[in-house]
Amino acid sequence: MTTTPRTRSSGHGLTYALLGWALAYGGLRLWWTVGSAPEFPPFGSDLLGFTGWRSVVLCLTAGAVAVALDRTSTWRPALAGLAWVVTGALVASAAILLPELVSLLLLAPGPSFDPVAFASRLGCAIGAALLGLAVFDYQRRTRGDCPACCRTIRPGRRRSSPAPWARWAAYLAVAGLVTRFAAQAVVGLDGLGQDASVIGLEIGLVLAGVLLPLALVRPWGETWPGWVPLLAGRTIPRRLLLVPGFGLGTAIVAYFGMGMAQVASGSASEFSDAFLWVAMSAYCLLGLGLLVASSDYHLRTRPACRACGR
């Protein structure tokens, strides 16, 4: 049986972009490491975990992995796993970007906000995004038997309804947010609802922790409900849910996962360790639930391949 060669995607462009990023951002990390790196409050560094020479090595590793992904024409699970580990390390290093973006959206940056540190974390996150896209491109090229889409599911096996595990993930995400507010209620609700930025953050949490995960597994997450003016009955653009689902899920897990690592290392805080463990674990549950539910939504709603129908 003969097989049709897989079409080459835009992997070369991603590789060049990643190499350019590794040289530029890695060069900055090297300059700060051998020279005098600025002091960035409140942690003293712009990145978490990977600072100094470790940040330089991380950038070089990302560039090397990008080249390996580009030059490998067969599916290698170990290579894909390594690439995802490096991507995760980059995301975790820039985890502080999440609260900074929220504060900027609310037009209330904190007193410790530093534009240079923010730009550095954003640069690190861009590298993570590029490497993540490169891994997706590698998987698309090397898995499956259709040269057009490289999908692995059997023809005729597309699902029209969410998988049970996706529903559970969405409900666990909501449970995570409820647990977080319950933990806050135990220690006291002082200060909540008294500031415009805090009110905005609370509204955002409800939307991200209740409306978004449920929309990923309910019919009204695919078609606008009848009570939505002008849009009722129309198909909801996939990216409207997938971008915040994957983006927020990744950012929440990275930020609060690093927070849990800091608590485990004995970092000082104004809150008790018990409260921090419960609150951060609840946030991680929320983020993981969003990632799982978003994955199912992506697989279930993506357009069928014109070549194989999958």
C-alpha atoms as a PDB file:
ATOM      1  CA  MET A   1       0.000   0.000   0.000  1.00  0.00           C
ATOM      2  CA  THR A   2       1.360   3.381  -0.970  1.00  0.00           C
ATOM      3  CA  THR A   3       0.937   6.487   1.128  1.00  0.00           C
ATOM      4  CA  THR A   4       0.724  10.051  -0.053  1.00  0.00           C
ATOM      5  CA  PRO A   5       3.519  12.282   1.288  1.00  0.00           C
ATOM      6  CA  ARG A   6       2.376  14.750   3.868  1.00  0.00           C
ATOM      7  CA  THR A   7       2.178  18.345   2.844  1.00  0.00           C
ATOM      8  CA  ARG A   8       4.770  20.658   4.341  1.00  0.00           C
ATOM      9  CA  SER A   9       3.250  23.331   6.541  1.00  0.00           C
ATOM     10  CA  SER A  10       4.580  26.645   7.745  1.00  0.00           C
ATOM     11  CA  GLY A  11       7.011  24.875  10.088  1.00  0.00           C
ATOM     12  CA  HIS A  12      10.071  26.567   8.539  1.00  0.00           C
ATOM     13  CA  GLY A  13       8.641  30.008   9.297  1.00  0.00           C
ATOM     14  CA  LEU A  14       7.979  29.024  12.918  1.00  0.00           C
ATOM     15  CA  THR A  15      11.494  27.642  13.198  1.00  0.00           C
ATOM     16  CA  TYR A  16      13.057  30.866  11.921  1.00  0.00           C
ATOM     17  CA  ALA A  17      10.861  32.903  14.252  1.00  0.00           C
ATOM     18  CA  LEU A  18      11.852  30.742  17.219  1.00  0.00           C
ATOM     19  CA  LEU A  19      15.545  30.930  16.369  1.00  0.00           C
ATOM     20  CA  GLY A  20      15.268  34.707  16.062  1.00  0.00           C
ATOM     21  CA  TRP A  21      13.490  34.839  19.412  1.00  0.00           C
ATOM     22  CA  ALA A  22      16.096  32.562  21.052  1.00  0.00           C
ATOM     23  CA  LEU A  23      18.935  34.756  19.799  1.00  0.00           C
ATOM     24  CA  ALA A  24      17.282  38.048  20.754  1.00  0.00           C
ATOM     25  CA  TYR A  25      15.718  37.093  24.087  1.00  0.00           C
ATOM     26  CA  GLY A  26      18.515  34.674  24.988  1.00  0.00           C
ATOM     27  CA  GLY A  27      21.017  37.416  24.211  1.00  0.00           C
ATOM     28  CA  LEU A  28      19.203  39.742  26.607  1.00  0.00           C
ATOM     29  CA  ARG A  29      19.241  37.065  29.317  1.00  0.00           C
ATOM     30  CA  LEU A  30      22.970  36.518  28.714  1.00  0.00           C
ATOM     31  CA  TRP A  31      23.662  40.265  28.927  1.00  0.00           C
ATOM     32  CA  TRP A  32      21.789  40.502  32.212  1.00  0.00           C
ATOM     33  CA  THR A  33      23.506  37.380  33.553  1.00  0.00           C
ATOM     34  CA  VAL A  34      27.125  38.365  32.841  1.00  0.00           C
ATOM     35  CA  GLY A  35      26.459  42.041  33.505  1.00  0.00           C
ATOM     36  CA  SER A  36      24.267  43.742  36.070  1.00  0.00           C
ATOM     37  CA  ALA A  37      20.664  42.584  35.890  1.00  0.00           C
ATOM     38  CA  PRO A  38      18.068  45.148  37.057  1.00  0.00           C
ATOM     39  CA  GLU A  39      16.217  44.630  40.326  1.00  0.00           C
ATOM     40  CA  PHE A  40      12.550  44.027  39.710  1.00  0.00           C
ATOM     41  CA  PRO A  41      10.158  44.301  42.680  1.00  0.00           C
ATOM     42  CA  PRO A  42       8.601  42.538  44.435  1.00  0.00           C
ATOM     43  CA  PHE A  43      10.554  39.323  43.727  1.00  0.00           C
ATOM     44  CA  GLY A  44      13.859  40.835  42.646  1.00  0.00           C
ATOM     45  CA  SER A  45      13.696  39.153  39.236  1.00  0.00           C
ATOM     46  CA  ASP A  46      11.430  39.402  36.208  1.00  0.00           C
ATOM     47  CA  LEU A  47      11.078  35.638  35.781  1.00  0.00           C
ATOM     48  CA  LEU A  48      10.248  32.870  38.228  1.00  0.00           C
ATOM     49  CA  GLY A  49      12.372  29.759  38.617  1.00  0.00           C
ATOM     50  CA  PHE A  50      14.527  30.260  35.530  1.00  0.00           C
ATOM     51  CA  THR A  51      16.850  33.159  36.258  1.00  0.00           C
ATOM     52  CA  GLY A  52      20.529  33.815  35.540  1.00  0.00           C
ATOM     53  CA  TRP A  53      22.239  31.108  33.525  1.00  0.00           C
ATOM     54  CA  ARG A  54      19.173  28.881  33.755  1.00  0.00           C
ATOM     55  CA  SER A  55      17.205  31.385  31.685  1.00  0.00           C
ATOM     56  CA  VAL A  56      19.975  31.435  29.067  1.00  0.00           C
ATOM     57  CA  VAL A  57      20.012  27.634  28.885  1.00  0.00           C
ATOM     58  CA  LEU A  58      16.221  27.593  28.610  1.00  0.00           C
ATOM     59  CA  CYS A  59      16.318  29.911  25.578  1.00  0.00           C
ATOM     60  CA  LEU A  60      19.050  27.849  23.905  1.00  0.00           C
ATOM     61  CA  THR A  61      17.114  24.651  24.582  1.00  0.00           C
ATOM     62  CA  ALA A  62      13.982  26.133  23.036  1.00  0.00           C
ATOM     63  CA  GLY A  63      15.931  27.033  19.878  1.00  0.00           C
ATOM     64  CA  ALA A  64      17.507  23.566  19.652  1.00  0.00           C
ATOM     65  CA  VAL A  65      14.144  21.856  20.140  1.00  0.00           C
ATOM     66  CA  ALA A  66      12.624  24.043  17.409  1.00  0.00           C
ATOM     67  CA  VAL A  67      15.290  22.873  14.941  1.00  0.00           C
ATOM     68  CA  ALA A  68      14.761  19.235  15.952  1.00  0.00           C
ATOM     69  CA  LEU A  69      11.001  19.551  15.430  1.00  0.00           C
ATOM     70  CA  ASP A  70      11.531  21.093  12.017  1.00  0.00           C
ATOM     71  CA  ARG A  71      13.996  18.443  10.793  1.00  0.00           C
ATOM     72  CA  THR A  72      12.218  15.364  12.154  1.00  0.00           C
ATOM     73  CA  SER A  73       9.770  13.876   9.648  1.00  0.00           C
ATOM     74  CA  THR A  74       8.424  10.995  11.773  1.00  0.00           C
ATOM     75  CA  TRP A  75       6.407  10.966  14.973  1.00  0.00           C
ATOM     76  CA  ARG A  76       8.704  10.859  18.023  1.00  0.00           C
ATOM     77  CA  PRO A  77       6.737  11.005  21.300  1.00  0.00           C
ATOM     78  CA  ALA A  78       9.882  11.715  23.325  1.00  0.00           C
ATOM     79  CA  LEU A  79      10.705  14.752  21.176  1.00  0.00           C
ATOM     80  CA  ALA A  80       7.154  16.082  21.444  1.00  0.00           C
ATOM     81  CA  GLY A  81       7.198  15.496  25.203  1.00  0.00           C
ATOM     82  CA  LEU A  82      10.487  17.377  25.572  1.00  0.00           C
ATOM     83  CA  ALA A  83       9.114  20.263  23.516  1.00  0.00           C
ATOM     84  CA  TRP A  84       6.017  20.497  25.714  1.00  0.00           C
ATOM     85  CA  VAL A  85       8.201  20.428  28.850  1.00  0.00           C
ATOM     86  CA  VAL A  86      10.276  23.346  27.555  1.00  0.00           C
ATOM     87  CA  THR A  87       7.088  25.189  26.589  1.00  0.00           C
ATOM     88  CA  GLY A  88       5.714  24.630  30.081  1.00  0.00           C
ATOM     89  CA  ALA A  89       8.938  25.922  31.632  1.00  0.00           C
ATOM     90  CA  LEU A  90       8.699  29.124  29.584  1.00  0.00           C
ATOM     91  CA  VAL A  91       5.064  29.605  30.588  1.00  0.00           C
ATOM     92  CA  ALA A  92       5.856  29.011  34.259  1.00  0.00           C
ATOM     93  CA  SER A  93       8.758  31.469  34.132  1.00  0.00           C
ATOM     94  CA  ALA A  94       6.428  34.238  32.926  1.00  0.00           C
ATOM     95  CA  ALA A  95       3.595  33.290  35.292  1.00  0.00           C
ATOM     96  CA  ILE A  96       3.481  36.764  36.903  1.00  0.00           C
ATOM     97  CA  LEU A  97       2.228  38.052  33.558  1.00  0.00           C
ATOM     98  CA  LEU A  98      -1.325  36.929  34.442  1.00  0.00           C
ATOM     99  CA  PRO A  99      -2.012  39.348  37.351  1.00  0.00           C
ATOM    100  CA  GLU A 100      -0.180  42.112  35.499  1.00  0.00           C
ATOM    101  CA  LEU A 101      -2.404  41.744  32.454  1.00  0.00           C
ATOM    102  CA  VAL A 102      -5.485  41.724  34.682  1.00  0.00           C
ATOM    103  CA  SER A 103      -4.343  44.902  36.434  1.00  0.00           C
ATOM    104  CA  LEU A 104      -3.702  46.611  33.096  1.00  0.00           C
ATOM    105  CA  LEU A 105      -7.125  45.601  31.789  1.00  0.00           C
ATOM    106  CA  LEU A 106      -8.649  47.111  34.922  1.00  0.00           C
ATOM    107  CA  LEU A 107      -6.489  50.231  34.470  1.00  0.00           C
ATOM    108  CA  ALA A 108      -5.101  49.734  37.975  1.00  0.00           C
ATOM    109  CA  PRO A 109      -1.458  48.584  37.810  1.00  0.00           C
ATOM    110  CA  GLY A 110       0.036  48.035  41.238  1.00  0.00           C
ATOM    111  CA  PRO A 111       2.868  50.066  42.788  1.00  0.00           C
ATOM    112  CA  SER A 112       5.366  47.282  41.984  1.00  0.00           C
ATOM    113  CA  PHE A 113       4.536  47.263  38.258  1.00  0.00           C
ATOM    114  CA  ASP A 114       7.695  47.674  36.170  1.00  0.00           C
ATOM    115  CA  PRO A 115       7.411  48.194  32.377  1.00  0.00           C
ATOM    116  CA  VAL A 116      10.788  46.550  31.715  1.00  0.00           C
ATOM    117  CA  ALA A 117       9.910  43.467  33.763  1.00  0.00           C
ATOM    118  CA  PHE A 118       6.502  43.312  32.073  1.00  0.00           C
ATOM    119  CA  ALA A 119       8.115  43.496  28.617  1.00  0.00           C
ATOM    120  CA  SER A 120      10.575  40.751  29.584  1.00  0.00           C
ATOM    121  CA  ARG A 121       7.804  38.435  30.811  1.00  0.00           C
ATOM    122  CA  LEU A 122       5.815  39.164  27.674  1.00  0.00           C
ATOM    123  CA  GLY A 123       8.857  38.251  25.589  1.00  0.00           C
ATOM    124  CA  CYS A 124       9.188  34.971  27.460  1.00  0.00           C
ATOM    125  CA  ALA A 125       5.484  34.233  26.898  1.00  0.00           C
ATOM    126  CA  ILE A 126       5.893  34.945  23.165  1.00  0.00           C
ATOM    127  CA  GLY A 127       8.645  32.332  23.032  1.00  0.00           C
ATOM    128  CA  ALA A 128       6.353  29.842  24.762  1.00  0.00           C
ATOM    129  CA  ALA A 129       3.566  30.571  22.264  1.00  0.00           C
ATOM    130  CA  LEU A 130       5.903  30.119  19.284  1.00  0.00           C
ATOM    131  CA  LEU A 131       7.259  26.833  20.605  1.00  0.00           C
ATOM    132  CA  GLY A 132       3.751  25.594  21.372  1.00  0.00           C
ATOM    133  CA  LEU A 133       2.699  26.356  17.785  1.00  0.00           C
ATOM    134  CA  ALA A 134       5.794  24.535  16.520  1.00  0.00           C
ATOM    135  CA  VAL A 135       4.860  21.424  18.511  1.00  0.00           C
ATOM    136  CA  PHE A 136       1.306  21.544  17.155  1.00  0.00           C
ATOM    137  CA  ASP A 137       2.693  21.858  13.633  1.00  0.00           C
ATOM    138  CA  TYR A 138       5.032  18.889  14.229  1.00  0.00           C
ATOM    139  CA  GLN A 139       2.178  16.762  15.522  1.00  0.00           C
ATOM    140  CA  ARG A 140       0.000  17.756  12.589  1.00  0.00           C
ATOM    141  CA  ARG A 141       2.729  16.758  10.120  1.00  0.00           C
ATOM    142  CA  THR A 142       3.750  13.448  11.627  1.00  0.00           C
ATOM    143  CA  ARG A 143       0.617  11.852  13.095  1.00  0.00           C
ATOM    144  CA  GLY A 144      -2.350  10.233  11.385  1.00  0.00           C
ATOM    145  CA  ASP A 145      -2.645   8.874   7.847  1.00  0.00           C
ATOM    146  CA  CYS A 146      -4.311  11.733   5.967  1.00  0.00           C
ATOM    147  CA  PRO A 147      -1.767  13.999   4.210  1.00  0.00           C
ATOM    148  CA  ALA A 148      -4.125  16.960   4.472  1.00  0.00           C
ATOM    149  CA  CYS A 149      -5.013  16.920   8.186  1.00  0.00           C
ATOM    150  CA  CYS A 150      -2.963  14.091   9.768  1.00  0.00           C
ATOM    151  CA  ARG A 151      -5.835  13.299  12.143  1.00  0.00           C
ATOM    152  CA  THR A 152      -5.824  10.033  14.054  1.00  0.00           C
ATOM    153  CA  ILE A 153      -9.540   9.422  14.664  1.00  0.00           C
ATOM    154  CA  ARG A 154     -11.366   6.859  12.536  1.00  0.00           C
ATOM    155  CA  PRO A 155     -13.629   8.099   9.728  1.00  0.00           C
ATOM    156  CA  GLY A 156     -17.202   8.503  10.927  1.00  0.00           C
ATOM    157  CA  ARG A 157     -16.205   8.802  14.593  1.00  0.00           C
ATOM    158  CA  ARG A 158     -16.762  12.558  15.002  1.00  0.00           C
ATOM    159  CA  ARG A 159     -18.745  13.389  18.132  1.00  0.00           C
ATOM    160  CA  SER A 160     -21.581  15.896  18.188  1.00  0.00           C
ATOM    161  CA  SER A 161     -21.870  16.060  21.991  1.00  0.00           C
ATOM    162  CA  PRO A 162     -19.268  16.597  24.733  1.00  0.00           C
ATOM    163  CA  ALA A 163     -17.487  13.583  26.164  1.00  0.00           C
ATOM    164  CA  PRO A 164     -18.395  12.658  29.767  1.00  0.00           C
ATOM    165  CA  TRP A 165     -14.877  13.499  30.920  1.00  0.00           C
ATOM    166  CA  ALA A 166     -15.219  16.986  29.416  1.00  0.00           C
ATOM    167  CA  ARG A 167     -18.462  17.606  31.307  1.00  0.00           C
ATOM    168  CA  TRP A 168     -16.815  16.521  34.557  1.00  0.00           C
ATOM    169  CA  ALA A 169     -13.861  18.798  33.840  1.00  0.00           C
ATOM    170  CA  ALA A 170     -16.182  21.783  33.326  1.00  0.00           C
ATOM    171  CA  TYR A 171     -18.068  21.052  36.537  1.00  0.00           C
ATOM    172  CA  LEU A 172     -14.785  20.642  38.438  1.00  0.00           C
ATOM    173  CA  ALA A 173     -13.680  24.027  37.103  1.00  0.00           C
ATOM    174  CA  VAL A 174     -16.831  25.607  38.528  1.00  0.00           C
ATOM    175  CA  ALA A 175     -16.270  23.710  41.788  1.00  0.00           C
ATOM    176  CA  GLY A 176     -12.754  25.144  41.909  1.00  0.00           C
ATOM    177  CA  LEU A 177     -14.072  28.706  41.757  1.00  0.00           C
ATOM    178  CA  VAL A 178     -16.746  27.970  44.372  1.00  0.00           C
ATOM    179  CA  THR A 179     -14.079  26.486  46.660  1.00  0.00           C
ATOM    180  CA  ARG A 180     -11.911  29.576  46.185  1.00  0.00           C
ATOM    181  CA  PHE A 181     -14.714  31.925  47.266  1.00  0.00           C
ATOM    182  CA  ALA A 182     -15.630  29.601  50.140  1.00  0.00           C
ATOM    183  CA  ALA A 183     -12.041  29.748  51.400  1.00  0.00           C
ATOM    184  CA  GLN A 184     -12.164  33.544  51.199  1.00  0.00           C
ATOM    185  CA  ALA A 185     -15.422  33.564  53.138  1.00  0.00           C
ATOM    186  CA  VAL A 186     -13.797  31.527  55.910  1.00  0.00           C
ATOM    187  CA  VAL A 187     -10.937  34.001  56.404  1.00  0.00           C
ATOM    188  CA  GLY A 188     -13.155  37.046  55.850  1.00  0.00           C
ATOM    189  CA  LEU A 189     -14.558  39.087  52.994  1.00  0.00           C
ATOM    190  CA  ASP A 190     -13.079  42.419  54.107  1.00  0.00           C
ATOM    191  CA  GLY A 191     -12.118  44.568  51.157  1.00  0.00           C
ATOM    192  CA  LEU A 192     -14.147  42.666  48.582  1.00  0.00           C
ATOM    193  CA  GLY A 193     -16.592  44.797  46.628  1.00  0.00           C
ATOM    194  CA  GLN A 194     -15.193  48.094  47.971  1.00  0.00           C
ATOM    195  CA  ASP A 195     -12.892  48.926  45.071  1.00  0.00           C
ATOM    196  CA  ALA A 196     -13.732  49.215  41.365  1.00  0.00           C
ATOM    197  CA  SER A 197     -10.743  47.118  40.305  1.00  0.00           C
ATOM    198  CA  VAL A 198     -11.632  44.390  42.796  1.00  0.00           C
ATOM    199  CA  ILE A 199     -15.247  44.360  41.586  1.00  0.00           C
ATOM    200  CA  GLY A 200     -14.000  44.036  37.998  1.00  0.00           C
ATOM    201  CA  LEU A 201     -11.748  41.159  38.986  1.00  0.00           C
ATOM    202  CA  GLU A 202     -14.625  39.393  40.732  1.00  0.00           C
ATOM    203  CA  ILE A 203     -16.823  39.740  37.652  1.00  0.00           C
ATOM    204  CA  GLY A 204     -14.002  38.380  35.498  1.00  0.00           C
ATOM    205  CA  LEU A 205     -13.562  35.401  37.816  1.00  0.00           C
ATOM    206  CA  VAL A 206     -17.256  34.552  37.608  1.00  0.00           C
ATOM    207  CA  LEU A 207     -17.174  34.744  33.805  1.00  0.00           C
ATOM    208  CA  ALA A 208     -13.989  32.657  33.542  1.00  0.00           C
ATOM    209  CA  GLY A 209     -14.923  30.189  36.267  1.00  0.00           C
ATOM    210  CA  VAL A 210     -18.615  29.630  35.617  1.00  0.00           C
ATOM    211  CA  LEU A 211     -19.823  30.912  32.246  1.00  0.00           C
ATOM    212  CA  LEU A 212     -16.787  29.859  30.194  1.00  0.00           C
ATOM    213  CA  PRO A 213     -16.412  26.223  31.359  1.00  0.00           C
ATOM    214  CA  LEU A 214     -20.159  25.607  31.076  1.00  0.00           C
ATOM    215  CA  ALA A 215     -20.251  27.146  27.600  1.00  0.00           C
ATOM    216  CA  LEU A 216     -17.574  24.673  26.518  1.00  0.00           C
ATOM    217  CA  VAL A 217     -19.854  21.698  27.251  1.00  0.00           C
ATOM    218  CA  ARG A 218     -23.369  23.076  26.765  1.00  0.00           C
ATOM    219  CA  PRO A 219     -25.289  23.592  23.478  1.00  0.00           C
ATOM    220  CA  TRP A 220     -25.423  27.364  24.022  1.00  0.00           C
ATOM    221  CA  GLY A 221     -21.636  27.345  23.715  1.00  0.00           C
ATOM    222  CA  GLU A 222     -21.975  26.498  20.008  1.00  0.00           C
ATOM    223  CA  THR A 223     -25.063  28.513  19.019  1.00  0.00           C
ATOM    224  CA  TRP A 224     -26.087  31.879  20.431  1.00  0.00           C
ATOM    225  CA  PRO A 225     -29.139  31.457  22.731  1.00  0.00           C
ATOM    226  CA  GLY A 226     -32.473  32.985  21.769  1.00  0.00           C
ATOM    227  CA  TRP A 227     -32.194  35.745  24.372  1.00  0.00           C
ATOM    228  CA  VAL A 228     -29.060  37.258  22.753  1.00  0.00           C
ATOM    229  CA  PRO A 229     -30.149  40.221  20.599  1.00  0.00           C
ATOM    230  CA  LEU A 230     -29.182  40.172  16.902  1.00  0.00           C
ATOM    231  CA  LEU A 231     -27.095  36.988  17.294  1.00  0.00           C
ATOM    232  CA  ALA A 232     -29.748  34.437  18.354  1.00  0.00           C
ATOM    233  CA  GLY A 233     -29.434  31.171  16.448  1.00  0.00           C
ATOM    234  CA  ARG A 234     -26.092  31.999  14.846  1.00  0.00           C
ATOM    235  CA  THR A 235     -23.021  29.818  15.251  1.00  0.00           C
ATOM    236  CA  ILE A 236     -20.560  31.034  17.872  1.00  0.00           C
ATOM    237  CA  PRO A 237     -17.017  31.460  16.479  1.00  0.00           C
ATOM    238  CA  ARG A 238     -14.844  28.682  17.912  1.00  0.00           C
ATOM    239  CA  ARG A 239     -12.015  31.034  18.832  1.00  0.00           C
ATOM    240  CA  LEU A 240     -14.327  33.100  21.005  1.00  0.00           C
ATOM    241  CA  LEU A 241     -14.262  30.224  23.508  1.00  0.00           C
ATOM    242  CA  LEU A 242     -11.028  28.432  22.610  1.00  0.00           C
ATOM    243  CA  VAL A 243      -8.710  31.431  22.984  1.00  0.00           C
ATOM    244  CA  PRO A 244      -9.809  32.326  26.552  1.00  0.00           C
ATOM    245  CA  GLY A 245     -10.283  28.644  27.406  1.00  0.00           C
ATOM    246  CA  PHE A 246      -6.751  27.605  26.528  1.00  0.00           C
ATOM    247  CA  GLY A 247      -5.186  30.972  27.349  1.00  0.00           C
ATOM    248  CA  LEU A 248      -6.726  31.444  30.783  1.00  0.00           C
ATOM    249  CA  GLY A 249      -6.399  27.760  31.628  1.00  0.00           C
ATOM    250  CA  THR A 250      -2.679  27.774  30.867  1.00  0.00           C
ATOM    251  CA  ALA A 251      -2.043  31.089  32.628  1.00  0.00           C
ATOM    252  CA  ILE A 252      -3.985  30.105  35.761  1.00  0.00           C
ATOM    253  CA  VAL A 253      -2.239  26.743  36.107  1.00  0.00           C
ATOM    254  CA  ALA A 254       1.174  28.335  35.543  1.00  0.00           C
ATOM    255  CA  TYR A 255       0.671  31.219  37.974  1.00  0.00           C
ATOM    256  CA  PHE A 256      -0.900  29.339  40.840  1.00  0.00           C
ATOM    257  CA  GLY A 257       1.224  26.258  40.232  1.00  0.00           C
ATOM    258  CA  MET A 258       4.316  28.409  40.769  1.00  0.00           C
ATOM    259  CA  GLY A 259       2.571  29.950  43.773  1.00  0.00           C
ATOM    260  CA  MET A 260       2.117  26.512  45.309  1.00  0.00           C
ATOM    261  CA  ALA A 261       5.804  25.800  44.698  1.00  0.00           C
ATOM    262  CA  GLN A 262       6.698  29.005  46.564  1.00  0.00           C
ATOM    263  CA  VAL A 263       4.429  28.060  49.474  1.00  0.00           C
ATOM    264  CA  ALA A 264       6.062  24.626  49.594  1.00  0.00           C
ATOM    265  CA  SER A 265       9.492  26.282  49.743  1.00  0.00           C
ATOM    266  CA  GLY A 266       8.441  28.316  52.784  1.00  0.00           C
ATOM    267  CA  SER A 267       8.012  31.767  51.244  1.00  0.00           C
ATOM    268  CA  ALA A 268       6.570  34.309  53.660  1.00  0.00           C
ATOM    269  CA  SER A 269       2.998  35.553  53.160  1.00  0.00           C
ATOM    270  CA  GLU A 270       0.370  37.528  55.022  1.00  0.00           C
ATOM    271  CA  PHE A 271      -2.024  34.579  54.657  1.00  0.00           C
ATOM    272  CA  SER A 272      -1.880  31.232  56.421  1.00  0.00           C
ATOM    273  CA  ASP A 273      -0.431  28.242  54.603  1.00  0.00           C
ATOM    274  CA  ALA A 274      -3.751  26.405  54.925  1.00  0.00           C
ATOM    275  CA  PHE A 275      -5.630  29.185  53.140  1.00  0.00           C
ATOM    276  CA  LEU A 276      -2.981  29.453  50.420  1.00  0.00           C
ATOM    277  CA  TRP A 277      -2.975  25.711  49.747  1.00  0.00           C
ATOM    278  CA  VAL A 278      -6.764  25.570  49.478  1.00  0.00           C
ATOM    279  CA  ALA A 279      -7.098  28.737  47.393  1.00  0.00           C
ATOM    280  CA  MET A 280      -4.263  27.940  44.991  1.00  0.00           C
ATOM    281  CA  SER A 281      -5.327  24.312  44.605  1.00  0.00           C
ATOM    282  CA  ALA A 282      -8.841  25.544  43.770  1.00  0.00           C
ATOM    283  CA  TYR A 283      -7.460  27.903  41.129  1.00  0.00           C
ATOM    284  CA  CYS A 284      -5.354  25.088  39.633  1.00  0.00           C
ATOM    285  CA  LEU A 285      -8.481  22.936  39.493  1.00  0.00           C
ATOM    286  CA  LEU A 286     -10.223  25.758  37.646  1.00  0.00           C
ATOM    287  CA  GLY A 287      -7.364  26.085  35.152  1.00  0.00           C
ATOM    288  CA  LEU A 288      -7.052  22.355  34.527  1.00  0.00           C
ATOM    289  CA  GLY A 289     -10.814  22.065  34.044  1.00  0.00           C
ATOM    290  CA  LEU A 290     -10.705  24.821  31.432  1.00  0.00           C
ATOM    291  CA  LEU A 291      -7.861  23.123  29.558  1.00  0.00           C
ATOM    292  CA  VAL A 292      -9.586  19.736  29.471  1.00  0.00           C
ATOM    293  CA  ALA A 293     -12.988  21.134  28.476  1.00  0.00           C
ATOM    294  CA  SER A 294     -11.368  23.339  25.821  1.00  0.00           C
ATOM    295  CA  SER A 295      -9.555  20.337  24.344  1.00  0.00           C
ATOM    296  CA  ASP A 296     -12.833  18.466  23.922  1.00  0.00           C
ATOM    297  CA  TYR A 297     -14.532  21.561  22.470  1.00  0.00           C
ATOM    298  CA  HIS A 298     -11.708  21.916  19.934  1.00  0.00           C
ATOM    299  CA  LEU A 299     -11.871  18.277  18.817  1.00  0.00           C
ATOM    300  CA  ARG A 300     -15.658  18.311  18.647  1.00  0.00           C
ATOM    301  CA  THR A 301     -16.196  21.564  16.758  1.00  0.00           C
ATOM    302  CA  ARG A 302     -13.263  21.717  14.351  1.00  0.00           C
ATOM    303  CA  PRO A 303     -14.266  21.675  10.659  1.00  0.00           C
ATOM    304  CA  ALA A 304     -14.217  18.332   8.871  1.00  0.00           C
ATOM    305  CA  CYS A 305     -11.214  17.648   6.639  1.00  0.00           C
ATOM    306  CA  ARG A 306     -12.120  18.040   2.970  1.00  0.00           C
ATOM    307  CA  ALA A 307      -9.842  15.155   2.020  1.00  0.00           C
ATOM    308  CA  CYS A 308     -10.873  12.405   4.470  1.00  0.00           C
ATOM    309  CA  GLY A 309     -14.039  13.783   6.059  1.00  0.00           C
ATOM    310  CA  ARG A 310     -12.744  13.461   9.608  1.00  0.00           C
END
